[in-house]
Amino acid sequence: MTNKDIIDQDAIENLRALNPDDGDVFLKEILDIFFDDTPMRIADLRAQRAAGDAAGFIRAAHSIKGSSSNVGAKELRALAERLEHHCRNHGTEGTAQDINDLESAFARAKETLQRLIKPV
């Protein structure tokens, strides 16, 4: 899998354009929030799955989908969307491997995004 499959570079450039005079300070702040928040959302997915709470599961998947889209994490966004749609149609059953895949996609996105931040 290439970086292009993992991250939408245009999304990164759009974030940089929001504050072009600060180097990557703003981008780093946004990514730090994403890096801190996403593991909590993944843990929430696991908890909602264990509880059989489809509504909570859908909310957590939707949250990951949105934040991933904001930072251009294409692979992660697609997996979160798949989980959201699966749960809407079939409940939380059969989602354990997809959550594991989502967690791996987050690790790849985080690694790739960290390499894109210019030193400040």
Protein backbone atom coordinates (compact mmCIF):
# COMPACT_ATOMS: atom_id res chain seq x y z
CA MET A 1 0.00 0.00 0.00
CA THR A 2 1.40 3.40 -0.96
CA ASN A 3 1.19 6.65 0.97
CA LYS A 4 -1.22 7.86 -1.73
CA ASP A 5 -3.62 5.03 -0.80
CA ILE A 6 -3.39 5.93 2.88
CA ILE A 7 -3.45 9.75 2.83
CA ASP A 8 -5.06 12.31 0.52
CA GLN A 9 -2.29 14.85 0.09
CA ASP A 10 -4.81 17.48 -1.07
CA ALA A 11 -6.47 17.36 2.35
CA ILE A 12 -3.11 18.03 4.01
CA GLU A 13 -2.45 20.96 1.67
CA ASN A 14 -5.93 22.32 2.41
CA LEU A 15 -5.17 22.23 6.15
CA ARG A 16 -1.83 23.94 5.55
CA ALA A 17 -3.58 26.63 3.49
CA LEU A 18 -5.81 27.52 6.45
CA ASN A 19 -2.79 29.07 8.18
CA PRO A 20 0.04 29.33 5.65
CA ASP A 21 2.31 31.57 7.73
CA ASP A 22 2.79 29.28 10.72
CA GLY A 23 4.82 26.48 9.13
CA ASP A 24 3.02 23.35 10.17
CA VAL A 25 2.04 24.48 13.68
CA PHE A 26 -1.69 24.46 12.88
CA LEU A 27 -1.44 21.17 10.97
CA LYS A 28 0.45 19.58 13.87
CA GLU A 29 -2.21 20.76 16.34
CA ILE A 30 -5.00 19.25 14.22
CA LEU A 31 -3.10 16.00 13.76
CA ASP A 32 -2.26 15.76 17.48
CA ILE A 33 -5.98 15.94 18.27
CA PHE A 34 -6.64 13.25 15.66
CA PHE A 35 -3.83 11.06 17.07
CA ASP A 36 -5.15 11.42 20.63
CA ASP A 37 -8.85 11.06 19.83
CA THR A 38 -8.89 8.15 17.38
CA PRO A 39 -7.61 5.45 19.78
CA MET A 40 -10.39 6.47 22.20
CA ARG A 41 -12.97 6.13 19.41
CA ILE A 42 -11.58 2.71 18.47
CA ALA A 43 -11.83 1.65 22.13
CA ASP A 44 -15.40 2.97 22.09
CA LEU A 45 -16.14 0.82 19.01
CA ARG A 46 -14.91 -2.25 20.89
CA ALA A 47 -16.94 -1.36 23.98
CA GLN A 48 -20.12 -0.72 21.98
CA ARG A 49 -19.62 -3.97 20.08
CA ALA A 50 -19.20 -5.88 23.35
CA ALA A 51 -22.36 -4.24 24.72
CA GLY A 52 -24.26 -4.89 21.50
CA ASP A 53 -25.07 -1.17 21.30
CA ALA A 54 -25.57 -0.57 17.59
CA ALA A 55 -26.40 3.13 17.99
CA GLY A 56 -23.24 3.78 20.02
CA PHE A 57 -21.20 1.74 17.58
CA ILE A 58 -22.55 3.74 14.63
CA ARG A 59 -21.77 7.03 16.41
CA ALA A 60 -18.18 5.96 17.09
CA ALA A 61 -17.65 4.74 13.52
CA HIS A 62 -19.18 7.94 12.16
CA SER A 63 -16.90 10.04 14.35
CA ILE A 64 -13.82 8.19 13.07
CA LYS A 65 -15.08 8.56 9.51
CA GLY A 66 -15.45 12.32 9.91
CA SER A 67 -12.14 13.00 11.60
CA SER A 68 -10.33 10.74 9.14
CA SER A 69 -11.86 12.63 6.26
CA ASN A 70 -10.76 15.95 7.77
CA VAL A 71 -7.10 14.90 7.85
CA GLY A 72 -7.20 12.99 4.56
CA ALA A 73 -6.81 9.50 6.06
CA LYS A 74 -8.51 7.82 3.08
CA GLU A 75 -8.02 4.18 4.03
CA LEU A 76 -9.14 4.75 7.61
CA ARG A 77 -12.17 6.74 6.47
CA ALA A 78 -13.24 3.98 4.09
CA LEU A 79 -12.97 1.32 6.80
CA ALA A 80 -14.92 3.44 9.30
CA GLU A 81 -17.61 3.99 6.70
CA ARG A 82 -17.76 0.26 6.03
CA LEU A 83 -18.20 -0.43 9.75
CA GLU A 84 -20.90 2.22 10.03
CA HIS A 85 -22.85 0.79 7.09
CA HIS A 86 -22.39 -2.80 8.25
CA CYS A 87 -23.77 -1.97 11.67
CA ARG A 88 -26.75 -0.10 10.21
CA ASN A 89 -27.64 -3.17 8.16
CA HIS A 90 -26.48 -6.08 10.34
CA GLY A 91 -25.80 -4.83 13.86
CA THR A 92 -22.48 -5.19 15.63
CA GLU A 93 -22.01 -8.90 14.91
CA GLY A 94 -19.17 -9.78 12.59
CA THR A 95 -17.26 -6.55 13.13
CA ALA A 96 -14.31 -7.75 15.26
CA GLN A 97 -11.90 -8.25 12.34
CA ASP A 98 -12.98 -4.99 10.74
CA ILE A 99 -12.18 -3.16 13.99
CA ASN A 100 -8.74 -4.79 13.98
CA ASP A 101 -8.29 -3.68 10.36
CA LEU A 102 -9.39 -0.17 11.31
CA GLU A 103 -6.84 -0.07 14.12
CA SER A 104 -4.08 -1.14 11.71
CA ALA A 105 -5.20 1.49 9.20
CA PHE A 106 -5.00 4.12 11.95
CA ALA A 107 -1.42 3.07 12.72
CA ARG A 108 -0.49 3.40 9.04
CA ALA A 109 -2.23 6.78 8.78
CA LYS A 110 -0.55 8.08 11.91
CA GLU A 111 2.89 7.00 10.72
CA THR A 112 2.35 8.54 7.29
CA LEU A 113 0.91 11.78 8.64
CA GLN A 114 3.74 12.22 11.14
CA ARG A 115 6.23 12.06 8.27
CA LEU A 116 4.36 14.82 6.42
CA ILE A 117 4.68 17.41 9.19
CA LYS A 118 7.40 19.92 8.41
CA PRO A 119 9.68 20.81 11.30
CA VAL A 120 8.65 24.07 12.95
